[in-house]
Amino acid sequence: MSWSERSAHGDGAGCAPIVRAFEEGKRFADEFPNAATTASGLRVPRAIGDFLILDALRDSNGTAVSVTDEELIAATVEIGASEGLFCAPEGAACLPALKKLIEGGEVKNDERVVLFNTGAGVKYLESYGG
């Protein structure tokens, strides 16, 4: 078995300064105007450590992808149903991002992947209201 580490970064589609900078080949991310996402942990229109993130992505032959609020909320439900975790939308962002990377062929089905949850969904009850 061979092991290679690659990093991937996920932003909310309504606030994606790192994804935009990565796609444009920039080392520093410009401020993202009119930032909007239900995931407050991803609503960072001006990233302070932008160059550190972008360097790590490029140094690891990684990538960056954005996901919609709808994908974030659906992922929290899927993770809750399958794993019993009520993660925050920003923590759940890794799942739809991974699915996009698999669909795009950037991650193979037989690769081992680690996803990190960084928050609790209880902070976002308004995002699940009806």
Protein backbone atom coordinates (compact mmCIF):
# COMPACT_ATOMS: atom_id res chain seq x y z
CA MET A 1 0.00 0.00 0.00
CA SER A 2 1.33 3.43 -0.87
CA TRP A 3 0.52 6.51 1.14
CA SER A 4 0.39 10.07 -0.08
CA GLU A 5 -0.95 13.05 1.75
CA ARG A 6 -2.95 15.63 -0.13
CA SER A 7 -4.93 18.43 1.40
CA ALA A 8 -8.26 19.69 0.19
CA HIS A 9 -10.04 22.83 1.31
CA GLY A 10 -13.78 23.42 1.31
CA ASP A 11 -15.49 26.81 1.31
CA GLY A 12 -19.14 27.71 1.25
CA ALA A 13 -20.13 28.80 -2.26
CA GLY A 14 -21.35 32.14 -0.91
CA CYS A 15 -17.98 32.88 0.68
CA ALA A 16 -15.13 31.19 -1.13
CA PRO A 17 -12.02 33.38 -1.06
CA ILE A 18 -9.61 30.44 -0.77
CA VAL A 19 -11.26 28.48 -3.59
CA ARG A 20 -11.24 31.55 -5.84
CA ALA A 21 -7.58 32.34 -5.07
CA PHE A 22 -6.59 28.70 -5.62
CA GLU A 23 -8.39 28.57 -8.98
CA GLU A 24 -6.79 31.87 -10.04
CA GLY A 25 -3.30 30.72 -9.01
CA LYS A 26 -2.90 33.47 -6.43
CA ARG A 27 -0.85 33.19 -3.24
CA PHE A 28 -3.09 35.63 -1.35
CA ALA A 29 -6.88 35.63 -1.37
CA ASP A 30 -8.75 38.81 -2.18
CA GLU A 31 -11.63 39.76 0.07
CA PHE A 32 -14.81 37.98 -0.95
CA PRO A 33 -17.55 40.61 -1.45
CA ASN A 34 -21.06 40.11 -0.05
CA ALA A 35 -20.06 36.92 1.79
CA ALA A 36 -23.08 34.81 2.69
CA THR A 37 -23.42 31.26 3.97
CA THR A 38 -25.42 29.57 6.71
CA ALA A 39 -22.12 28.22 8.08
CA SER A 40 -20.74 31.12 10.11
CA GLY A 41 -17.47 29.24 10.55
CA LEU A 42 -17.00 29.43 6.77
CA ARG A 43 -18.15 33.05 6.48
CA VAL A 44 -14.62 34.47 6.46
CA PRO A 45 -14.46 36.94 3.57
CA ARG A 46 -10.86 37.92 4.34
CA ALA A 47 -8.74 34.98 5.49
CA ILE A 48 -5.80 35.97 7.68
CA GLY A 49 -3.73 32.83 7.01
CA ASP A 50 -4.70 32.62 3.36
CA PHE A 51 -1.18 32.14 2.06
CA LEU A 52 -0.53 29.33 4.55
CA ILE A 53 -3.63 27.47 3.37
CA LEU A 54 -2.88 28.06 -0.30
CA ASP A 55 0.77 27.02 0.11
CA ALA A 56 -0.27 23.80 1.90
CA LEU A 57 -2.78 22.96 -0.83
CA ARG A 58 -0.27 23.46 -3.61
CA ASP A 59 2.65 21.83 -1.76
CA SER A 60 0.56 18.70 -1.19
CA ASN A 61 -0.81 18.62 -4.75
CA GLY A 62 -4.20 19.29 -3.19
CA THR A 63 -7.20 21.27 -4.29
CA ALA A 64 -10.02 23.55 -3.15
CA VAL A 65 -13.74 23.17 -3.75
CA SER A 66 -16.87 25.09 -2.78
CA VAL A 67 -20.20 23.66 -1.64
CA THR A 68 -23.65 25.22 -1.43
CA ASP A 69 -25.63 25.81 1.75
CA GLU A 70 -28.08 23.17 0.59
CA GLU A 71 -25.24 20.67 0.27
CA LEU A 72 -23.97 21.63 3.75
CA ILE A 73 -27.35 21.05 5.41
CA ALA A 74 -27.94 17.80 3.51
CA ALA A 75 -24.52 16.58 4.62
CA THR A 76 -25.30 17.27 8.29
CA VAL A 77 -28.42 15.13 7.93
CA GLU A 78 -26.52 12.34 6.13
CA ILE A 79 -23.71 12.33 8.70
CA GLY A 80 -26.24 12.36 11.54
CA ALA A 81 -28.14 9.41 10.08
CA SER A 82 -25.07 7.32 9.33
CA GLU A 83 -22.70 8.27 12.15
CA GLY A 84 -24.94 9.66 14.90
CA LEU A 85 -23.14 13.01 14.92
CA PHE A 86 -24.86 16.39 14.79
CA CYS A 87 -22.06 18.34 13.20
CA ALA A 88 -22.09 21.98 12.23
CA PRO A 89 -22.51 22.90 8.56
CA GLU A 90 -18.85 23.91 8.32
CA GLY A 91 -17.84 20.53 9.72
CA ALA A 92 -20.14 18.78 7.29
CA ALA A 93 -18.69 20.70 4.33
CA CYS A 94 -16.02 18.05 3.91
CA LEU A 95 -18.55 15.41 2.84
CA PRO A 96 -20.06 17.15 -0.21
CA ALA A 97 -16.59 18.43 -1.07
CA LEU A 98 -15.28 14.85 -1.04
CA LYS A 99 -18.20 13.69 -3.19
CA LYS A 100 -17.36 16.38 -5.75
CA LEU A 101 -13.71 15.34 -5.75
CA ILE A 102 -14.67 11.70 -6.28
CA GLU A 103 -17.10 12.63 -9.08
CA GLY A 104 -14.37 14.73 -10.71
CA GLY A 105 -11.85 11.89 -10.50
CA GLU A 106 -9.54 13.79 -8.15
CA VAL A 107 -10.07 11.19 -5.41
CA LYS A 108 -10.29 7.53 -6.32
CA ASN A 109 -12.80 5.16 -4.71
CA ASP A 110 -10.03 3.01 -3.26
CA GLU A 111 -8.16 5.88 -1.58
CA ARG A 112 -8.20 6.28 2.20
CA VAL A 113 -9.59 9.67 3.24
CA VAL A 114 -9.83 11.40 6.60
CA LEU A 115 -12.61 13.96 7.12
CA PHE A 116 -12.49 16.36 10.08
CA ASN A 117 -15.59 17.71 11.82
CA THR A 118 -14.87 21.02 13.51
CA GLY A 119 -18.15 22.06 15.08
CA ALA A 120 -21.45 21.13 16.69
CA GLY A 121 -24.77 21.48 14.89
CA VAL A 122 -26.56 22.67 18.02
CA LYS A 123 -25.14 26.14 17.24
CA TYR A 124 -27.18 26.19 14.02
CA LEU A 125 -30.71 25.18 14.95
CA GLU A 126 -32.10 28.10 12.89
CA SER A 127 -30.60 26.54 9.76
CA TYR A 128 -32.85 23.51 10.18
CA GLY A 129 -36.06 25.40 10.96
CA GLY A 130 -39.24 24.83 9.17
